[in-house]
PDB file of N, CA and C in Angstrom:
ATOM      1  N   MET A   1     -83.027  15.719  36.126  1.00  0.00           N
ATOM      2  CA  MET A   1     -81.841  15.650  36.515  1.00  0.00           C
ATOM      3  C   MET A   1     -81.004  14.654  35.629  1.00  0.00           C
ATOM      4  N   THR A   2     -79.900  15.655  34.639  1.00  0.00           N
ATOM      5  CA  THR A   2     -79.874  14.920  33.468  1.00  0.00           C
ATOM      6  C   THR A   2     -78.271  15.046  33.495  1.00  0.00           C
ATOM      7  N   ALA A   3     -77.615  14.015  33.536  1.00  0.00           N
ATOM      8  CA  ALA A   3     -76.517  13.370  33.785  1.00  0.00           C
ATOM      9  C   ALA A   3     -75.620  13.788  32.873  1.00  0.00           C
ATOM     10  N   THR A   4     -73.963  14.438  32.495  1.00  0.00           N
ATOM     11  CA  THR A   4     -73.293  15.168  31.243  1.00  0.00           C
ATOM     12  C   THR A   4     -71.967  13.767  30.986  1.00  0.00           C
ATOM     13  N   MET A   5     -71.955  13.557  29.675  1.00  0.00           N
ATOM     14  CA  MET A   5     -71.050  13.038  30.122  1.00  0.00           C
ATOM     15  C   MET A   5     -69.557  13.591  29.289  1.00  0.00           C
ATOM     16  N   PRO A   6     -68.427  13.215  29.973  1.00  0.00           N
ATOM     17  CA  PRO A   6     -67.945  14.269  28.876  1.00  0.00           C
ATOM     18  C   PRO A   6     -67.178  13.987  27.437  1.00  0.00           C
ATOM     19  N   ALA A   7     -66.464  14.786  27.025  1.00  0.00           N
ATOM     20  CA  ALA A   7     -66.647  14.934  25.376  1.00  0.00           C
ATOM     21  C   ALA A   7     -65.214  13.893  25.453  1.00  0.00           C
ATOM     22  N   ILE A   8     -65.574  12.910  24.459  1.00  0.00           N
ATOM     23  CA  ILE A   8     -64.220  11.913  24.255  1.00  0.00           C
ATOM     24  C   ILE A   8     -63.213  12.267  23.187  1.00  0.00           C
ATOM     25  N   PRO A   9     -62.089  12.307  23.959  1.00  0.00           N
ATOM     26  CA  PRO A   9     -60.524  13.280  24.081  1.00  0.00           C
ATOM     27  C   PRO A   9     -60.216  12.524  22.416  1.00  0.00           C
ATOM     28  N   PRO A  10     -59.560  12.951  21.505  1.00  0.00           N
ATOM     29  CA  PRO A  10     -59.381  12.929  20.114  1.00  0.00           C
ATOM     30  C   PRO A  10     -58.025  11.529  20.227  1.00  0.00           C
ATOM     31  N   MET A  11     -58.463  10.991  19.550  1.00  0.00           N
ATOM     32  CA  MET A  11     -57.101  10.171  19.124  1.00  0.00           C
ATOM     33  C   MET A  11     -55.904  10.005  18.230  1.00  0.00           C
ATOM     34  N   THR A  12     -54.636   9.740  19.606  1.00  0.00           N
ATOM     35  CA  THR A  12     -53.785  10.915  19.185  1.00  0.00           C
ATOM     36  C   THR A  12     -52.791   9.541  17.448  1.00  0.00           C
ATOM     37  N   SER A  13     -52.053  10.256  17.222  1.00  0.00           N
ATOM     38  CA  SER A  13     -51.688   9.294  15.748  1.00  0.00           C
ATOM     39  C   SER A  13     -50.567   7.889  16.442  1.00  0.00           C
ATOM     40  N   VAL A  14     -50.803   7.430  15.865  1.00  0.00           N
ATOM     41  CA  VAL A  14     -50.222   5.516  15.810  1.00  0.00           C
ATOM     42  C   VAL A  14     -49.000   5.730  15.326  1.00  0.00           C
ATOM     43  N   THR A  15     -47.823   5.638  16.274  1.00  0.00           N
ATOM     44  CA  THR A  15     -46.375   5.718  15.507  1.00  0.00           C
ATOM     45  C   THR A  15     -45.829   4.627  16.205  1.00  0.00           C
ATOM     46  N   GLY A  16     -44.035   4.423  15.468  1.00  0.00           N
ATOM     47  CA  GLY A  16     -43.884   2.888  15.747  1.00  0.00           C
ATOM     48  C   GLY A  16     -44.444   2.011  14.808  1.00  0.00           C
ATOM     49  N   VAL A  17     -44.889   2.415  14.261  1.00  0.00           N
ATOM     50  CA  VAL A  17     -45.806   0.571  13.358  1.00  0.00           C
ATOM     51  C   VAL A  17     -44.294  -0.160  11.995  1.00  0.00           C
ATOM     52  N   PRO A  18     -43.712  -0.666  12.069  1.00  0.00           N
ATOM     53  CA  PRO A  18     -42.933  -0.529  10.810  1.00  0.00           C
ATOM     54  C   PRO A  18     -43.839  -0.931   9.017  1.00  0.00           C
ATOM     55  N   PRO A  19     -43.123  -0.315   8.823  1.00  0.00           N
ATOM     56  CA  PRO A  19     -43.584  -0.797   7.412  1.00  0.00           C
ATOM     57  C   PRO A  19     -44.044  -2.397   6.735  1.00  0.00           C
ATOM     58  N   VAL A  20     -45.179  -2.724   6.223  1.00  0.00           N
ATOM     59  CA  VAL A  20     -45.424  -3.902   5.767  1.00  0.00           C
ATOM     60  C   VAL A  20     -43.846  -4.366   4.814  1.00  0.00           C
ATOM     61  N   ALA A  21     -43.226  -5.782   5.030  1.00  0.00           N
ATOM     62  CA  ALA A  21     -42.284  -6.165   3.743  1.00  0.00           C
ATOM     63  C   ALA A  21     -42.862  -6.574   2.170  1.00  0.00           C
ATOM     64  N   VAL A  22     -42.383  -5.904   1.578  1.00  0.00           N
ATOM     65  CA  VAL A  22     -42.594  -6.640   0.104  1.00  0.00           C
ATOM     66  C   VAL A  22     -42.118  -8.114   0.075  1.00  0.00           C
ATOM     67  N   THR A  23     -43.216  -9.171  -0.291  1.00  0.00           N
ATOM     68  CA  THR A  23     -42.176 -10.499  -0.607  1.00  0.00           C
ATOM     69  C   THR A  23     -42.317 -10.455  -1.988  1.00  0.00           C
ATOM     70  N   SER A  24     -41.086 -11.467  -2.371  1.00  0.00           N
ATOM     71  CA  SER A  24     -41.411 -11.884  -4.038  1.00  0.00           C
ATOM     72  C   SER A  24     -42.499 -12.904  -4.397  1.00  0.00           C
ATOM     73  N   GLY A  25     -42.263 -12.845  -5.859  1.00  0.00           N
ATOM     74  CA  GLY A  25     -43.470 -13.693  -6.579  1.00  0.00           C
ATOM     75  C   GLY A  25     -43.884 -15.104  -5.708  1.00  0.00           C
ATOM     76  N   VAL A  26     -44.563 -15.586  -5.841  1.00  0.00           N
ATOM     77  CA  VAL A  26     -44.754 -17.057  -6.501  1.00  0.00           C
ATOM     78  C   VAL A  26     -43.451 -18.369  -6.581  1.00  0.00           C
ATOM     79  N   GLU A  27     -43.288 -19.333  -5.520  1.00  0.00           N
ATOM     80  CA  GLU A  27     -42.279 -19.784  -5.553  1.00  0.00           C
ATOM     81  C   GLU A  27     -42.733 -20.567  -6.313  1.00  0.00           C
ATOM     82  N   ARG A  28     -41.750 -21.955  -7.618  1.00  0.00           N
ATOM     83  CA  ARG A  28     -41.813 -22.721  -7.891  1.00  0.00           C
ATOM     84  C   ARG A  28     -41.806 -24.265  -7.406  1.00  0.00           C
ATOM     85  N   ALA A  29     -43.180 -24.339  -7.272  1.00  0.00           N
ATOM     86  CA  ALA A  29     -43.196 -26.125  -6.454  1.00  0.00           C
ATOM     87  C   ALA A  29     -42.154 -26.873  -6.460  1.00  0.00           C
ATOM     88  N   ASN A  30     -41.790 -27.398  -5.185  1.00  0.00           N
ATOM     89  CA  ASN A  30     -40.641 -28.882  -4.855  1.00  0.00           C
ATOM     90  C   ASN A  30     -41.653 -29.877  -5.681  1.00  0.00           C
ATOM     91  N   PRO A  31     -41.192 -30.632  -6.796  1.00  0.00           N
ATOM     92  CA  PRO A  31     -42.181 -31.795  -7.550  1.00  0.00           C
ATOM     93  C   PRO A  31     -42.257 -32.859  -5.747  1.00  0.00           C
ATOM     94  N   ALA A  32     -41.431 -32.673  -4.202  1.00  0.00           N
ATOM     95  CA  ALA A  32     -41.307 -33.913  -4.181  1.00  0.00           C
ATOM     96  C   ALA A  32     -42.383 -33.061  -3.172  1.00  0.00           C
ATOM     97  N   SER A  33     -42.775 -31.953  -2.629  1.00  0.00           N
ATOM     98  CA  SER A  33     -43.637 -31.507  -1.937  1.00  0.00           C
ATOM     99  C   SER A  33     -45.085 -32.389  -2.153  1.00  0.00           C
ATOM    100  N   GLY A  34     -45.614 -33.204  -2.890  1.00  0.00           N
ATOM    101  CA  GLY A  34     -46.742 -33.519  -3.565  1.00  0.00           C
ATOM    102  C   GLY A  34     -46.384 -34.714  -2.610  1.00  0.00           C
ATOM    103  N   ALA A  35     -45.348 -35.904  -2.487  1.00  0.00           N
ATOM    104  CA  ALA A  35     -45.513 -36.469  -1.708  1.00  0.00           C
ATOM    105  C   ALA A  35     -45.759 -36.358   0.036  1.00  0.00           C
ATOM    106  N   GLU A  36     -45.294 -34.993   0.583  1.00  0.00           N
ATOM    107  CA  GLU A  36     -45.057 -34.931   1.695  1.00  0.00           C
ATOM    108  C   GLU A  36     -46.361 -34.503   2.092  1.00  0.00           C
ATOM    109  N   PHE A  37     -47.179 -33.582   1.082  1.00  0.00           N
ATOM    110  CA  PHE A  37     -48.527 -33.660   1.696  1.00  0.00           C
ATOM    111  C   PHE A  37     -49.390 -34.553   1.808  1.00  0.00           C
ATOM    112  N   GLY A  38     -48.865 -35.876   0.862  1.00  0.00           N
ATOM    113  CA  GLY A  38     -49.442 -37.012   1.154  1.00  0.00           C
ATOM    114  C   GLY A  38     -49.178 -37.568   2.525  1.00  0.00           C
ATOM    115  N   ASN A  39     -48.041 -37.544   3.021  1.00  0.00           N
ATOM    116  CA  ASN A  39     -47.734 -38.144   4.320  1.00  0.00           C
ATOM    117  C   ASN A  39     -48.577 -37.201   5.049  1.00  0.00           C
ATOM    118  N   GLU A  40     -48.489 -35.966   5.234  1.00  0.00           N
ATOM    119  CA  GLU A  40     -49.247 -35.497   6.460  1.00  0.00           C
ATOM    120  C   GLU A  40     -50.525 -35.367   6.416  1.00  0.00           C
ATOM    121  N   LEU A  41     -51.311 -35.597   5.408  1.00  0.00           N
ATOM    122  CA  LEU A  41     -52.310 -36.088   5.470  1.00  0.00           C
ATOM    123  C   LEU A  41     -52.632 -37.820   6.375  1.00  0.00           C
ATOM    124  N   THR A  42     -51.725 -38.719   5.326  1.00  0.00           N
ATOM    125  CA  THR A  42     -51.924 -40.202   5.998  1.00  0.00           C
ATOM    126  C   THR A  42     -51.356 -39.906   7.918  1.00  0.00           C
ATOM    127  N   ARG A  43     -50.892 -39.083   8.288  1.00  0.00           N
ATOM    128  CA  ARG A  43     -50.503 -39.111   9.797  1.00  0.00           C
ATOM    129  C   ARG A  43     -51.667 -38.138  10.160  1.00  0.00           C
ATOM    130  N   GLY A  44     -52.552 -37.234   9.390  1.00  0.00           N
ATOM    131  CA  GLY A  44     -53.548 -36.683  10.008  1.00  0.00           C
ATOM    132  C   GLY A  44     -54.791 -37.440  10.084  1.00  0.00           C
ATOM    133  N   ILE A  45     -54.576 -38.251   9.299  1.00  0.00           N
ATOM    134  CA  ILE A  45     -56.297 -39.448   9.111  1.00  0.00           C
ATOM    135  C   ILE A  45     -55.433 -40.756  10.137  1.00  0.00           C
ATOM    136  N   ASP A  46     -54.236 -40.925  10.536  1.00  0.00           N
ATOM    137  CA  ASP A  46     -54.240 -41.802  11.355  1.00  0.00           C
ATOM    138  C   ASP A  46     -54.319 -41.509  13.241  1.00  0.00           C
ATOM    139  N   ALA A  47     -53.660 -40.105  12.995  1.00  0.00           N
ATOM    140  CA  ALA A  47     -54.272 -39.429  14.563  1.00  0.00           C
ATOM    141  C   ALA A  47     -55.743 -38.965  14.798  1.00  0.00           C
ATOM    142  N   LEU A  48     -56.703 -39.216  13.421  1.00  0.00           N
ATOM    143  CA  LEU A  48     -58.021 -38.986  14.176  1.00  0.00           C
ATOM    144  C   LEU A  48     -58.622 -40.629  14.812  1.00  0.00           C
ATOM    145  N   GLN A  49     -57.806 -41.726  13.813  1.00  0.00           N
ATOM    146  CA  GLN A  49     -58.401 -43.115  14.435  1.00  0.00           C
ATOM    147  C   GLN A  49     -57.742 -43.312  15.064  1.00  0.00           C
ATOM    148  N   GLN A  50     -56.763 -43.005  15.918  1.00  0.00           N
ATOM    149  CA  GLN A  50     -55.962 -42.937  17.370  1.00  0.00           C
ATOM    150  C   GLN A  50     -57.088 -42.857  18.058  1.00  0.00           C
ATOM    151  N   THR A  51     -57.532 -41.709  17.609  1.00  0.00           N
ATOM    152  CA  THR A  51     -58.081 -40.698  18.839  1.00  0.00           C
ATOM    153  C   THR A  51     -59.961 -41.163  18.941  1.00  0.00           C
ATOM    154  N   GLN A  52     -60.310 -41.753  18.012  1.00  0.00           N
ATOM    155  CA  GLN A  52     -61.674 -42.486  18.172  1.00  0.00           C
ATOM    156  C   GLN A  52     -61.673 -43.506  18.743  1.00  0.00           C
ATOM    157  N   ALA A  53     -60.400 -44.408  17.691  1.00  0.00           N
ATOM    158  CA  ALA A  53     -60.455 -45.668  19.186  1.00  0.00           C
ATOM    159  C   ALA A  53     -60.256 -45.541  20.197  1.00  0.00           C
ATOM    160  N   SER A  54     -59.321 -44.298  21.159  1.00  0.00           N
ATOM    161  CA  SER A  54     -59.508 -43.811  22.142  1.00  0.00           C
ATOM    162  C   SER A  54     -60.355 -43.394  22.363  1.00  0.00           C
ATOM    163  N   ALA A  55     -61.863 -42.826  22.217  1.00  0.00           N
ATOM    164  CA  ALA A  55     -63.350 -42.164  22.680  1.00  0.00           C
ATOM    165  C   ALA A  55     -64.009 -43.769  23.308  1.00  0.00           C
ATOM    166  N   ASP A  56     -63.407 -44.487  21.647  1.00  0.00           N
ATOM    167  CA  ASP A  56     -64.291 -45.935  21.855  1.00  0.00           C
ATOM    168  C   ASP A  56     -63.728 -46.868  22.777  1.00  0.00           C
ATOM    169  N   ASN A  57     -62.757 -46.689  23.071  1.00  0.00           N
ATOM    170  CA  ASN A  57     -62.339 -47.482  24.580  1.00  0.00           C
ATOM    171  C   ASN A  57     -62.659 -46.987  25.650  1.00  0.00           C
ATOM    172  N   LEU A  58     -62.587 -45.872  25.656  1.00  0.00           N
ATOM    173  CA  LEU A  58     -62.904 -45.137  27.208  1.00  0.00           C
ATOM    174  C   LEU A  58     -64.751 -45.179  27.503  1.00  0.00           C
ATOM    175  N   ALA A  59     -65.549 -45.386  26.565  1.00  0.00           N
ATOM    176  CA  ALA A  59     -67.128 -45.808  26.525  1.00  0.00           C
ATOM    177  C   ALA A  59     -67.192 -46.799  26.215  1.00  0.00           C
ATOM    178  N   THR A  60     -66.179 -47.820  26.727  1.00  0.00           N
ATOM    179  CA  THR A  60     -66.410 -49.119  27.105  1.00  0.00           C
ATOM    180  C   THR A  60     -66.310 -49.325  28.022  1.00  0.00           C
ATOM    181  N   LYS A  61     -65.486 -49.114  28.675  1.00  0.00           N
ATOM    182  CA  LYS A  61     -64.735 -48.621  30.146  1.00  0.00           C
ATOM    183  C   LYS A  61     -65.767 -47.517  30.508  1.00  0.00           C
ATOM    184  N   ALA A  62     -66.971 -47.200  30.425  1.00  0.00           N
ATOM    185  CA  ALA A  62     -67.557 -46.311  30.865  1.00  0.00           C
ATOM    186  C   ALA A  62     -69.124 -46.915  30.696  1.00  0.00           C
ATOM    187  N   ALA A  63     -69.066 -47.664  29.963  1.00  0.00           N
ATOM    188  CA  ALA A  63     -70.618 -48.653  30.046  1.00  0.00           C
ATOM    189  C   ALA A  63     -70.228 -49.618  30.660  1.00  0.00           C
ATOM    190  N   THR A  64     -68.895 -50.207  31.177  1.00  0.00           N
ATOM    191  CA  THR A  64     -68.768 -51.745  31.728  1.00  0.00           C
ATOM    192  C   THR A  64     -68.955 -50.887  33.570  1.00  0.00           C
ATOM    193  N   GLY A  65     -68.367 -49.972  33.305  1.00  0.00           N
ATOM    194  CA  GLY A  65     -68.327 -49.138  35.378  1.00  0.00           C
ATOM    195  C   GLY A  65     -67.179 -49.115  35.721  1.00  0.00           C
ATOM    196  N   SER A  66     -65.645 -49.481  34.495  1.00  0.00           N
ATOM    197  CA  SER A  66     -64.187 -49.695  35.069  1.00  0.00           C
ATOM    198  C   SER A  66     -64.109 -48.217  34.817  1.00  0.00           C
ATOM    199  N   LEU A  67     -64.268 -47.304  34.531  1.00  0.00           N
ATOM    200  CA  LEU A  67     -64.070 -45.931  34.440  1.00  0.00           C
ATOM    201  C   LEU A  67     -64.152 -45.078  35.993  1.00  0.00           C
ATOM    202  N   ASN A  68     -63.177 -44.334  35.788  1.00  0.00           N
ATOM    203  CA  ASN A  68     -63.400 -43.502  37.385  1.00  0.00           C
ATOM    204  C   ASN A  68     -64.063 -42.184  37.236  1.00  0.00           C
ATOM    205  N   ASP A  69     -63.641 -41.861  36.030  1.00  0.00           N
ATOM    206  CA  ASP A  69     -63.969 -40.527  36.174  1.00  0.00           C
ATOM    207  C   ASP A  69     -64.703 -40.072  34.449  1.00  0.00           C
ATOM    208  N   ILE A  70     -65.941 -40.115  35.006  1.00  0.00           N
ATOM    209  CA  ILE A  70     -67.136 -39.868  33.778  1.00  0.00           C
ATOM    210  C   ILE A  70     -66.169 -38.648  32.622  1.00  0.00           C
ATOM    211  N   THR A  71     -65.545 -37.851  33.088  1.00  0.00           N
ATOM    212  CA  THR A  71     -65.325 -36.484  32.687  1.00  0.00           C
ATOM    213  C   THR A  71     -64.256 -36.691  31.633  1.00  0.00           C
ATOM    214  N   THR A  72     -63.494 -37.973  31.489  1.00  0.00           N
ATOM    215  CA  THR A  72     -62.310 -38.395  31.022  1.00  0.00           C
ATOM    216  C   THR A  72     -63.101 -39.103  29.926  1.00  0.00           C
ATOM    217  N   TYR A  73     -63.836 -39.771  29.325  1.00  0.00           N
ATOM    218  CA  TYR A  73     -64.568 -40.105  28.241  1.00  0.00           C
ATOM    219  C   TYR A  73     -65.387 -39.283  27.771  1.00  0.00           C
ATOM    220  N   MET A  74     -65.408 -38.222  28.190  1.00  0.00           N
ATOM    221  CA  MET A  74     -66.494 -36.416  27.858  1.00  0.00           C
ATOM    222  C   MET A  74     -65.805 -35.791  27.071  1.00  0.00           C
ATOM    223  N   ILE A  75     -64.489 -35.869  27.531  1.00  0.00           N
ATOM    224  CA  ILE A  75     -63.596 -35.131  26.675  1.00  0.00           C
ATOM    225  C   ILE A  75     -63.172 -36.097  25.413  1.00  0.00           C
ATOM    226  N   ALA A  76     -62.797 -36.958  25.724  1.00  0.00           N
ATOM    227  CA  ALA A  76     -62.826 -37.673  24.600  1.00  0.00           C
ATOM    228  C   ALA A  76     -63.476 -37.934  23.503  1.00  0.00           C
ATOM    229  N   ALA A  77     -64.419 -38.073  23.536  1.00  0.00           N
ATOM    230  CA  ALA A  77     -65.831 -38.520  23.104  1.00  0.00           C
ATOM    231  C   ALA A  77     -65.888 -36.693  22.128  1.00  0.00           C
ATOM    232  N   ASN A  78     -66.000 -36.075  22.822  1.00  0.00           N
ATOM    233  CA  ASN A  78     -65.938 -34.421  22.408  1.00  0.00           C
ATOM    234  C   ASN A  78     -64.667 -33.896  21.185  1.00  0.00           C
ATOM    235  N   GLU A  79     -63.718 -34.522  21.888  1.00  0.00           N
ATOM    236  CA  GLU A  79     -62.372 -34.806  20.685  1.00  0.00           C
ATOM    237  C   GLU A  79     -62.325 -35.066  19.143  1.00  0.00           C
ATOM    238  N   ALA A  80     -63.031 -36.716  19.621  1.00  0.00           N
ATOM    239  CA  ALA A  80     -62.986 -37.203  18.360  1.00  0.00           C
ATOM    240  C   ALA A  80     -64.358 -36.343  17.428  1.00  0.00           C
ATOM    241  N   SER A  81     -65.132 -36.069  18.334  1.00  0.00           N
ATOM    242  CA  SER A  81     -65.961 -35.216  17.732  1.00  0.00           C
ATOM    243  C   SER A  81     -65.881 -34.583  16.680  1.00  0.00           C
ATOM    244  N   ILE A  82     -64.870 -33.151  17.202  1.00  0.00           N
ATOM    245  CA  ILE A  82     -64.526 -32.242  16.679  1.00  0.00           C
ATOM    246  C   ILE A  82     -63.528 -32.675  15.508  1.00  0.00           C
ATOM    247  N   ALA A  83     -63.092 -33.682  15.887  1.00  0.00           N
ATOM    248  CA  ALA A  83     -61.382 -34.476  15.041  1.00  0.00           C
ATOM    249  C   ALA A  83     -62.725 -34.681  13.714  1.00  0.00           C
ATOM    250  N   THR A  84     -63.669 -35.358  13.642  1.00  0.00           N
ATOM    251  CA  THR A  84     -63.995 -36.034  12.748  1.00  0.00           C
ATOM    252  C   THR A  84     -64.431 -35.177  11.774  1.00  0.00           C
ATOM    253  N   SER A  85     -65.405 -34.239  12.381  1.00  0.00           N
ATOM    254  CA  SER A  85     -65.659 -33.050  11.808  1.00  0.00           C
ATOM    255  C   SER A  85     -65.034 -31.831  11.377  1.00  0.00           C
ATOM    256  N   LEU A  86     -63.998 -31.816  11.743  1.00  0.00           N
ATOM    257  CA  LEU A  86     -62.705 -30.777  11.000  1.00  0.00           C
ATOM    258  C   LEU A  86     -62.425 -32.044  10.125  1.00  0.00           C
ATOM    259  N   THR A  87     -61.924 -32.719   9.741  1.00  0.00           N
ATOM    260  CA  THR A  87     -61.993 -33.913   8.494  1.00  0.00           C
ATOM    261  C   THR A  87     -62.764 -33.957   7.561  1.00  0.00           C
ATOM    262  N   THR A  88     -63.966 -33.727   8.303  1.00  0.00           N
ATOM    263  CA  THR A  88     -65.072 -33.757   6.816  1.00  0.00           C
ATOM    264  C   THR A  88     -64.742 -32.472   6.333  1.00  0.00           C
ATOM    265  N   ALA A  89     -64.986 -31.514   7.063  1.00  0.00           N
ATOM    266  CA  ALA A  89     -64.890 -30.183   6.693  1.00  0.00           C
ATOM    267  C   ALA A  89     -63.504 -30.022   5.510  1.00  0.00           C
ATOM    268  N   VAL A  90     -62.218 -30.432   6.074  1.00  0.00           N
ATOM    269  CA  VAL A  90     -61.482 -29.896   4.918  1.00  0.00           C
ATOM    270  C   VAL A  90     -62.016 -31.219   3.600  1.00  0.00           C
ATOM    271  N   ARG A  91     -62.293 -32.350   3.361  1.00  0.00           N
ATOM    272  CA  ARG A  91     -62.672 -33.180   2.609  1.00  0.00           C
ATOM    273  C   ARG A  91     -63.524 -32.821   1.795  1.00  0.00           C
ATOM    274  N   ASP A  92     -64.791 -32.011   2.240  1.00  0.00           N
ATOM    275  CA  ASP A  92     -65.600 -30.955   1.490  1.00  0.00           C
ATOM    276  C   ASP A  92     -64.399 -29.641   0.909  1.00  0.00           C
ATOM    277  N   LYS A  93     -64.055 -29.459   1.188  1.00  0.00           N
ATOM    278  CA  LYS A  93     -63.198 -28.284   0.245  1.00  0.00           C
ATOM    279  C   LYS A  93     -62.290 -28.668  -0.287  1.00  0.00           C
ATOM    280  N   ALA A  94     -61.897 -30.037   0.076  1.00  0.00           N
ATOM    281  CA  ALA A  94     -61.161 -30.662  -1.029  1.00  0.00           C
ATOM    282  C   ALA A  94     -61.599 -30.827  -2.692  1.00  0.00           C
ATOM    283  N   VAL A  95     -62.592 -31.808  -2.418  1.00  0.00           N
ATOM    284  CA  VAL A  95     -63.382 -31.989  -3.459  1.00  0.00           C
ATOM    285  C   VAL A  95     -64.182 -31.043  -4.310  1.00  0.00           C
ATOM    286  N   ALA A  96     -64.324 -29.745  -3.393  1.00  0.00           N
ATOM    287  CA  ALA A  96     -65.324 -28.840  -3.803  1.00  0.00           C
ATOM    288  C   ALA A  96     -63.470 -27.846  -4.907  1.00  0.00           C
ATOM    289  N   ALA A  97     -62.610 -27.462  -4.482  1.00  0.00           N
ATOM    290  CA  ALA A  97     -61.063 -27.466  -5.251  1.00  0.00           C
ATOM    291  C   ALA A  97     -61.567 -28.369  -6.087  1.00  0.00           C
ATOM    292  N   PHE A  98     -61.321 -29.255  -6.114  1.00  0.00           N
ATOM    293  CA  PHE A  98     -60.894 -30.583  -7.308  1.00  0.00           C
ATOM    294  C   PHE A  98     -62.216 -29.725  -8.270  1.00  0.00           C
ATOM    295  N   THR A  99     -63.013 -30.384  -8.081  1.00  0.00           N
ATOM    296  CA  THR A  99     -64.292 -30.208  -8.451  1.00  0.00           C
ATOM    297  C   THR A  99     -64.391 -28.792  -9.751  1.00  0.00           C
ATOM    298  N   SER A 100     -64.281 -27.699  -9.216  1.00  0.00           N
ATOM    299  CA  SER A 100     -63.857 -26.064  -9.158  1.00  0.00           C
ATOM    300  C   SER A 100     -62.851 -26.401 -10.918  1.00  0.00           C
ATOM    301  N   ILE A 101     -61.533 -27.047 -10.536  1.00  0.00           N
ATOM    302  CA  ILE A 101     -60.818 -26.902 -11.518  1.00  0.00           C
ATOM    303  C   ILE A 101     -61.017 -27.854 -12.173  1.00  0.00           C
ATOM    304  N   MET A 102     -61.803 -28.801 -12.087  1.00  0.00           N
ATOM    305  CA  MET A 102     -62.115 -29.960 -13.391  1.00  0.00           C
ATOM    306  C   MET A 102     -63.264 -28.979 -14.261  1.00  0.00           C
ATOM    307  N   ASN A 103     -63.767 -28.607 -14.043  1.00  0.00           N
ATOM    308  CA  ASN A 103     -64.612 -27.487 -14.799  1.00  0.00           C
ATOM    309  C   ASN A 103     -64.326 -26.905 -15.139  1.00  0.00           C
ATOM    310  N   MET A 104     -63.037 -26.433 -14.831  1.00  0.00           N
ATOM    311  CA  MET A 104     -62.339 -25.063 -15.906  1.00  0.00           C
ATOM    312  C   MET A 104     -62.591 -25.514 -17.170  1.00  0.00           C
ATOM    313  N   GLN A 105     -62.691 -24.389 -17.668  1.00  0.00           N
ATOM    314  CA  GLN A 105     -62.651 -24.378 -19.433  1.00  0.00           C
ATOM    315  C   GLN A 105     -60.832 -24.551 -19.727  1.00  0.00           C
ATOM    316  N   MET A 106     -60.706 -24.757 -20.790  1.00  0.00           N
ATOM    317  CA  MET A 106     -58.738 -24.870 -21.226  1.00  0.00           C
ATOM    318  C   MET A 106     -58.859 -23.813 -22.127  1.00  0.00           C
TER     319      MET A 106
END
């Protein structure tokens, strides 16, 4: 005995989708934006150091037995690991982009 499956009904047309807006060309970069980019990088590295310091502090507390909830350390250690991995990946991409630009022929 085989069961027959009902036919799939055809799709109805999609309505109500707004058209894609066309934007103007690329805007000229603000010379001060380089300093802002550098400030953002500095803040990101400072946040990474703070995350790692917090994980190190919790690791010390866990090792000495003064930490009540070990999951707090586990979460902090994972956050520090992920943040370090992300920072390393961004650095690698930046170095690759710089190398690519430097290898361009004029």
